[in-house]
N, C-alpha and C. Protein backbone atom coordinates (compact mmCIF):
# COMPACT_ATOMS: atom_id res chain seq x y z
N UNK A 1 0.85 -1.17 0.00
CA UNK A 1 0.00 0.00 0.00
C UNK A 1 0.90 1.24 0.00
N UNK A 2 0.76 2.09 -1.03
CA UNK A 2 1.65 3.23 -1.15
C UNK A 2 1.10 4.49 -0.49
N UNK A 3 -0.13 4.49 -0.04
CA UNK A 3 -0.72 5.64 0.65
C UNK A 3 -1.11 5.25 2.06
N UNK A 4 -1.16 6.23 2.93
CA UNK A 4 -1.59 5.97 4.30
C UNK A 4 -3.06 6.39 4.38
N UNK A 5 -3.93 5.46 4.10
CA UNK A 5 -5.36 5.70 4.18
C UNK A 5 -6.03 4.49 4.78
N UNK A 6 -7.16 4.67 5.41
CA UNK A 6 -7.89 3.53 5.93
C UNK A 6 -8.35 2.61 4.80
N UNK A 7 -8.59 1.34 5.08
CA UNK A 7 -8.93 0.38 4.03
C UNK A 7 -10.39 0.46 3.58
N UNK A 8 -10.96 1.65 3.51
CA UNK A 8 -12.30 1.84 2.94
C UNK A 8 -12.15 2.79 1.77
N UNK A 9 -13.20 2.87 0.93
CA UNK A 9 -13.14 3.77 -0.22
C UNK A 9 -12.85 5.20 0.21
N UNK A 10 -11.96 5.87 -0.51
CA UNK A 10 -11.57 7.23 -0.13
C UNK A 10 -12.75 8.18 -0.08
N UNK A 11 -13.68 8.11 -1.04
CA UNK A 11 -14.80 9.04 -1.03
C UNK A 11 -15.72 8.78 0.16
N UNK A 12 -15.95 7.52 0.49
CA UNK A 12 -16.80 7.20 1.65
C UNK A 12 -16.17 7.71 2.93
N UNK A 13 -14.85 7.56 3.05
CA UNK A 13 -14.17 8.01 4.26
C UNK A 13 -14.15 9.54 4.33
N UNK A 14 -13.85 10.19 3.21
CA UNK A 14 -13.77 11.66 3.18
C UNK A 14 -15.12 12.28 3.50
N UNK A 15 -16.21 11.64 3.09
CA UNK A 15 -17.54 12.18 3.34
C UNK A 15 -17.90 12.17 4.82
N UNK A 16 -17.24 11.34 5.62
CA UNK A 16 -17.51 11.30 7.06
C UNK A 16 -16.82 12.45 7.78
N UNK A 17 -15.83 13.03 7.17
CA UNK A 17 -15.06 14.11 7.81
C UNK A 17 -15.79 15.44 7.67
N UNK A 18 -15.62 16.30 8.66
CA UNK A 18 -16.22 17.63 8.61
C UNK A 18 -15.52 18.53 7.60
N UNK A 19 -14.22 18.30 7.40
CA UNK A 19 -13.43 19.10 6.46
C UNK A 19 -12.24 18.29 6.00
N UNK A 20 -11.64 18.70 4.89
CA UNK A 20 -10.46 18.02 4.38
C UNK A 20 -9.29 18.22 5.33
N UNK A 21 -8.43 17.22 5.37
CA UNK A 21 -7.23 17.31 6.21
C UNK A 21 -6.02 17.62 5.35
N UNK A 22 -5.10 18.37 5.95
CA UNK A 22 -3.85 18.69 5.28
C UNK A 22 -2.84 17.60 5.56
N UNK A 23 -2.12 17.14 4.53
CA UNK A 23 -1.07 16.13 4.78
C UNK A 23 0.06 16.75 5.59
N UNK A 24 0.68 15.93 6.42
CA UNK A 24 1.77 16.42 7.27
C UNK A 24 2.72 15.27 7.59
N UNK A 25 3.78 15.61 8.26
CA UNK A 25 4.73 14.62 8.78
C UNK A 25 5.37 15.25 10.02
N UNK A 26 4.65 15.16 11.14
CA UNK A 26 5.04 15.85 12.37
C UNK A 26 5.34 14.82 13.46
N UNK A 27 6.58 14.78 13.95
CA UNK A 27 6.88 13.88 15.08
C UNK A 27 6.02 14.28 16.28
N UNK A 28 5.46 13.29 16.95
CA UNK A 28 4.56 13.57 18.06
C UNK A 28 4.63 12.45 19.09
N UNK A 29 3.92 12.67 20.19
CA UNK A 29 3.82 11.67 21.25
C UNK A 29 2.36 11.36 21.52
N UNK A 30 2.07 10.09 21.71
CA UNK A 30 0.75 9.62 22.14
C UNK A 30 0.86 9.33 23.63
N UNK A 31 -0.05 9.91 24.40
CA UNK A 31 -0.08 9.63 25.84
C UNK A 31 -1.39 8.90 26.11
N UNK A 32 -1.26 7.64 26.55
CA UNK A 32 -2.41 6.75 26.72
C UNK A 32 -2.19 5.91 27.98
N UNK A 33 -3.10 6.02 28.92
CA UNK A 33 -3.03 5.24 30.17
C UNK A 33 -1.68 5.42 30.88
N UNK A 34 -1.17 6.65 30.89
CA UNK A 34 0.09 6.93 31.58
C UNK A 34 1.34 6.48 30.84
N UNK A 35 1.19 5.94 29.63
CA UNK A 35 2.34 5.51 28.83
C UNK A 35 2.51 6.44 27.65
N UNK A 36 3.76 6.61 27.23
CA UNK A 36 4.08 7.49 26.11
C UNK A 36 4.63 6.67 24.96
N UNK A 37 4.12 6.94 23.75
CA UNK A 37 4.54 6.23 22.55
C UNK A 37 4.87 7.27 21.49
N UNK A 38 6.00 7.10 20.79
CA UNK A 38 6.33 7.98 19.68
C UNK A 38 5.37 7.73 18.53
N UNK A 39 4.85 8.81 17.94
CA UNK A 39 3.92 8.73 16.82
C UNK A 39 4.32 9.77 15.78
N UNK A 40 3.63 9.72 14.65
CA UNK A 40 3.81 10.72 13.59
C UNK A 40 2.45 11.18 13.11
N UNK A 41 2.18 12.47 13.20
CA UNK A 41 0.94 13.03 12.67
C UNK A 41 1.08 13.07 11.15
N UNK A 42 0.14 12.43 10.42
CA UNK A 42 0.24 12.36 8.96
C UNK A 42 -0.81 13.21 8.25
N UNK A 43 -1.87 13.63 8.97
CA UNK A 43 -2.82 14.56 8.40
C UNK A 43 -3.60 15.22 9.52
N UNK A 44 -4.06 16.45 9.26
CA UNK A 44 -4.80 17.15 10.30
C UNK A 44 -5.66 18.26 9.70
N UNK A 45 -6.67 18.63 10.45
CA UNK A 45 -7.54 19.75 10.11
C UNK A 45 -7.83 20.48 11.42
N UNK A 46 -8.68 21.48 11.36
CA UNK A 46 -9.00 22.18 12.60
C UNK A 46 -9.83 21.32 13.54
N UNK A 47 -10.44 20.24 13.02
CA UNK A 47 -11.31 19.40 13.85
C UNK A 47 -10.91 17.94 13.92
N UNK A 48 -9.93 17.50 13.10
CA UNK A 48 -9.58 16.09 13.09
C UNK A 48 -8.10 15.86 12.88
N UNK A 49 -7.67 14.62 13.13
CA UNK A 49 -6.24 14.28 13.05
C UNK A 49 -6.09 12.81 12.68
N UNK A 50 -5.02 12.51 11.95
CA UNK A 50 -4.64 11.14 11.66
C UNK A 50 -3.17 10.98 12.02
N UNK A 51 -2.83 9.87 12.65
CA UNK A 51 -1.43 9.65 13.04
C UNK A 51 -1.08 8.19 12.97
N UNK A 52 0.21 7.92 12.85
CA UNK A 52 0.72 6.56 12.85
C UNK A 52 1.27 6.23 14.22
N UNK A 53 0.95 5.04 14.70
CA UNK A 53 1.34 4.61 16.04
C UNK A 53 1.86 3.18 15.99
N UNK A 54 2.82 2.89 16.85
CA UNK A 54 3.34 1.52 16.95
C UNK A 54 2.38 0.63 17.74
N UNK A 55 1.45 1.25 18.49
CA UNK A 55 0.50 0.47 19.29
C UNK A 55 -0.92 0.73 18.80
N UNK A 56 -1.76 -0.27 18.95
CA UNK A 56 -3.16 -0.15 18.58
C UNK A 56 -3.89 0.73 19.60
N UNK A 57 -4.80 1.55 19.11
CA UNK A 57 -5.59 2.42 19.98
C UNK A 57 -7.06 2.10 19.74
N UNK A 58 -7.80 1.63 20.75
CA UNK A 58 -9.20 1.26 20.56
C UNK A 58 -10.08 2.44 20.17
N UNK A 59 -11.07 2.17 19.31
CA UNK A 59 -12.05 3.19 18.96
C UNK A 59 -12.80 3.64 20.21
N UNK A 60 -13.27 4.87 20.18
CA UNK A 60 -14.01 5.51 21.28
C UNK A 60 -13.16 5.83 22.50
N UNK A 61 -11.86 5.63 22.40
CA UNK A 61 -10.97 6.00 23.51
C UNK A 61 -10.51 7.44 23.32
N UNK A 62 -10.27 8.15 24.42
CA UNK A 62 -9.71 9.49 24.34
C UNK A 62 -8.25 9.42 24.76
N UNK A 63 -7.39 9.99 23.91
CA UNK A 63 -5.94 9.99 24.15
C UNK A 63 -5.42 11.41 23.97
N UNK A 64 -4.19 11.62 24.40
CA UNK A 64 -3.54 12.90 24.19
C UNK A 64 -2.46 12.74 23.12
N UNK A 65 -2.40 13.71 22.20
CA UNK A 65 -1.32 13.80 21.23
C UNK A 65 -0.63 15.12 21.50
N UNK A 66 0.68 15.10 21.56
CA UNK A 66 1.43 16.33 21.79
C UNK A 66 2.58 16.41 20.79
N UNK A 67 2.81 17.61 20.30
CA UNK A 67 3.95 17.89 19.43
C UNK A 67 4.38 19.33 19.68
N UNK A 68 5.45 19.74 19.02
CA UNK A 68 5.96 21.10 19.23
C UNK A 68 5.86 21.91 17.96
N UNK A 69 5.63 23.22 18.14
CA UNK A 69 5.62 24.15 17.02
C UNK A 69 6.57 25.30 17.33
N UNK A 70 7.11 25.89 16.29
CA UNK A 70 8.04 26.99 16.46
C UNK A 70 7.26 28.30 16.59
N UNK A 71 7.61 29.07 17.61
CA UNK A 71 6.99 30.38 17.83
C UNK A 71 8.08 31.34 18.28
N UNK A 72 8.47 32.26 17.39
CA UNK A 72 9.49 33.26 17.70
C UNK A 72 10.76 32.64 18.28
N UNK A 73 11.33 31.68 17.56
CA UNK A 73 12.58 31.01 17.94
C UNK A 73 12.48 30.15 19.19
N UNK A 74 11.28 29.81 19.59
CA UNK A 74 11.07 28.96 20.76
C UNK A 74 10.12 27.83 20.37
N UNK A 75 10.42 26.62 20.82
CA UNK A 75 9.51 25.50 20.58
C UNK A 75 8.44 25.51 21.65
N UNK A 76 7.19 25.50 21.21
CA UNK A 76 6.03 25.56 22.11
C UNK A 76 5.26 24.25 22.00
N UNK A 77 4.96 23.59 23.14
CA UNK A 77 4.20 22.34 23.06
C UNK A 77 2.75 22.58 22.66
N UNK A 78 2.23 21.69 21.83
CA UNK A 78 0.83 21.71 21.41
C UNK A 78 0.20 20.42 21.91
N UNK A 79 -0.84 20.53 22.72
CA UNK A 79 -1.50 19.36 23.29
C UNK A 79 -2.92 19.25 22.75
N UNK A 80 -3.28 18.03 22.32
CA UNK A 80 -4.61 17.78 21.76
C UNK A 80 -5.23 16.57 22.45
N UNK A 81 -6.47 16.72 22.89
CA UNK A 81 -7.22 15.55 23.34
C UNK A 81 -7.97 15.04 22.12
N UNK A 82 -7.75 13.76 21.78
CA UNK A 82 -8.30 13.18 20.56
C UNK A 82 -9.27 12.06 20.92
N UNK A 83 -10.46 12.12 20.31
CA UNK A 83 -11.44 11.04 20.43
C UNK A 83 -11.23 10.12 19.23
N UNK A 84 -10.76 8.90 19.47
CA UNK A 84 -10.41 7.97 18.40
C UNK A 84 -11.67 7.39 17.76
N UNK A 85 -11.71 7.47 16.40
CA UNK A 85 -12.84 6.90 15.65
C UNK A 85 -12.46 5.63 14.91
N UNK A 86 -11.17 5.51 14.53
CA UNK A 86 -10.77 4.31 13.79
C UNK A 86 -9.29 4.03 14.04
N UNK A 87 -8.96 2.75 13.90
CA UNK A 87 -7.58 2.31 14.05
C UNK A 87 -7.40 1.08 13.14
N UNK A 88 -6.51 1.21 12.14
CA UNK A 88 -6.30 0.15 11.16
C UNK A 88 -4.82 -0.16 11.04
N UNK A 89 -4.50 -1.45 11.00
CA UNK A 89 -3.10 -1.84 10.83
C UNK A 89 -2.66 -1.59 9.39
N UNK A 90 -1.51 -0.91 9.25
CA UNK A 90 -0.95 -0.61 7.93
C UNK A 90 0.56 -0.80 8.04
N UNK A 91 1.10 -1.78 7.32
CA UNK A 91 2.55 -2.00 7.25
C UNK A 91 3.22 -2.01 8.62
N UNK A 92 2.79 -2.88 9.50
CA UNK A 92 3.41 -3.11 10.81
C UNK A 92 3.24 -1.96 11.81
N UNK A 93 2.34 -1.04 11.53
CA UNK A 93 1.98 0.00 12.49
C UNK A 93 0.49 0.28 12.32
N UNK A 94 -0.02 1.24 13.04
CA UNK A 94 -1.45 1.52 13.03
C UNK A 94 -1.72 2.95 12.59
N UNK A 95 -2.67 3.08 11.67
CA UNK A 95 -3.18 4.41 11.31
C UNK A 95 -4.37 4.67 12.21
N UNK A 96 -4.30 5.76 12.98
CA UNK A 96 -5.35 6.11 13.93
C UNK A 96 -5.96 7.43 13.47
N UNK A 97 -7.27 7.46 13.39
CA UNK A 97 -7.97 8.68 12.99
C UNK A 97 -8.98 9.06 14.05
N UNK A 98 -9.11 10.36 14.27
CA UNK A 98 -10.07 10.79 15.27
C UNK A 98 -10.39 12.27 15.18
N UNK A 99 -11.32 12.67 16.01
CA UNK A 99 -11.68 14.09 16.07
C UNK A 99 -10.99 14.71 17.27
N UNK A 100 -10.71 15.99 17.14
CA UNK A 100 -10.05 16.71 18.22
C UNK A 100 -11.12 17.14 19.21
N UNK A 101 -11.07 16.55 20.40
CA UNK A 101 -12.07 16.82 21.43
C UNK A 101 -11.75 18.10 22.19
N UNK A 102 -10.48 18.39 22.31
CA UNK A 102 -10.05 19.59 23.04
C UNK A 102 -8.72 20.05 22.46
N UNK A 103 -8.67 21.33 22.07
CA UNK A 103 -7.43 21.86 21.49
C UNK A 103 -7.03 23.13 22.22
N UNK A 104 -5.75 23.32 22.31
CA UNK A 104 -5.20 24.48 23.00
C UNK A 104 -5.15 25.68 22.06
N UNK A 105 -4.95 26.85 22.62
CA UNK A 105 -4.76 28.06 21.83
C UNK A 105 -3.54 27.90 20.92
N UNK A 106 -2.52 27.19 21.40
CA UNK A 106 -1.33 26.95 20.58
C UNK A 106 -1.66 26.15 19.32
N UNK A 107 -2.61 25.20 19.41
CA UNK A 107 -3.00 24.45 18.21
C UNK A 107 -3.74 25.36 17.24
N UNK A 108 -4.61 26.20 17.75
CA UNK A 108 -5.34 27.11 16.86
C UNK A 108 -4.37 28.01 16.11
N UNK A 109 -3.36 28.53 16.81
CA UNK A 109 -2.33 29.37 16.16
C UNK A 109 -1.54 28.54 15.14
N UNK A 110 -1.14 27.34 15.52
CA UNK A 110 -0.39 26.46 14.63
C UNK A 110 -1.20 26.16 13.37
N UNK A 111 -2.46 25.81 13.52
CA UNK A 111 -3.27 25.43 12.36
C UNK A 111 -3.52 26.63 11.46
N UNK A 112 -3.73 27.80 12.02
CA UNK A 112 -3.90 29.01 11.20
C UNK A 112 -2.64 29.26 10.37
N UNK A 113 -1.48 29.02 10.95
CA UNK A 113 -0.22 29.24 10.24
C UNK A 113 -0.06 28.27 9.08
N UNK A 114 -0.30 26.98 9.30
CA UNK A 114 -0.11 26.02 8.21
C UNK A 114 -1.22 26.12 7.18
N UNK A 115 -2.42 26.48 7.60
CA UNK A 115 -3.53 26.64 6.67
C UNK A 115 -3.24 27.81 5.72
N UNK A 116 -2.70 28.90 6.24
CA UNK A 116 -2.35 30.06 5.41
C UNK A 116 -1.24 29.69 4.42
N UNK A 117 -0.29 28.89 4.85
CA UNK A 117 0.81 28.46 3.97
C UNK A 117 0.31 27.53 2.87
N UNK A 118 -0.79 26.84 3.10
CA UNK A 118 -1.34 25.87 2.15
C UNK A 118 -2.23 26.53 1.10
N UNK A 119 -2.68 27.77 1.32
CA UNK A 119 -3.57 28.45 0.37
C UNK A 119 -2.85 28.67 -0.96
N UNK A 120 -3.58 28.50 -2.08
CA UNK A 120 -2.96 28.68 -3.39
C UNK A 120 -2.53 30.12 -3.62
N UNK A 121 -1.39 30.29 -4.23
CA UNK A 121 -0.87 31.62 -4.52
C UNK A 121 -1.12 31.93 -5.99
N UNK A 122 -1.47 33.18 -6.28
CA UNK A 122 -1.73 33.58 -7.67
C UNK A 122 -0.59 34.35 -8.24
């Protein structure tokens, strides 16, 4: 499989989302039941997130995802509470998708920055 997508039709999956997600490759941490696992955020929007994890995460579970963003030469932590909707095994790891249940002001600033960078230029 050359793409990181759930094993359902792309249009059916995309129609369940509130908005399109931007592709990314952001090193992150999953915090689940007091344990920390290295993860990679592979897509995100203002309301949802997809990430790769070495461990399976059950649907309907709430977990924390944290990563850092640059703000005026300082790395600032971004913390997200994620409600997991799906978890599928892909190439010896798991693609986890969910909605953002709680986001910090730092995430809102981060997403506004990357969303502006993604807009088409004329």
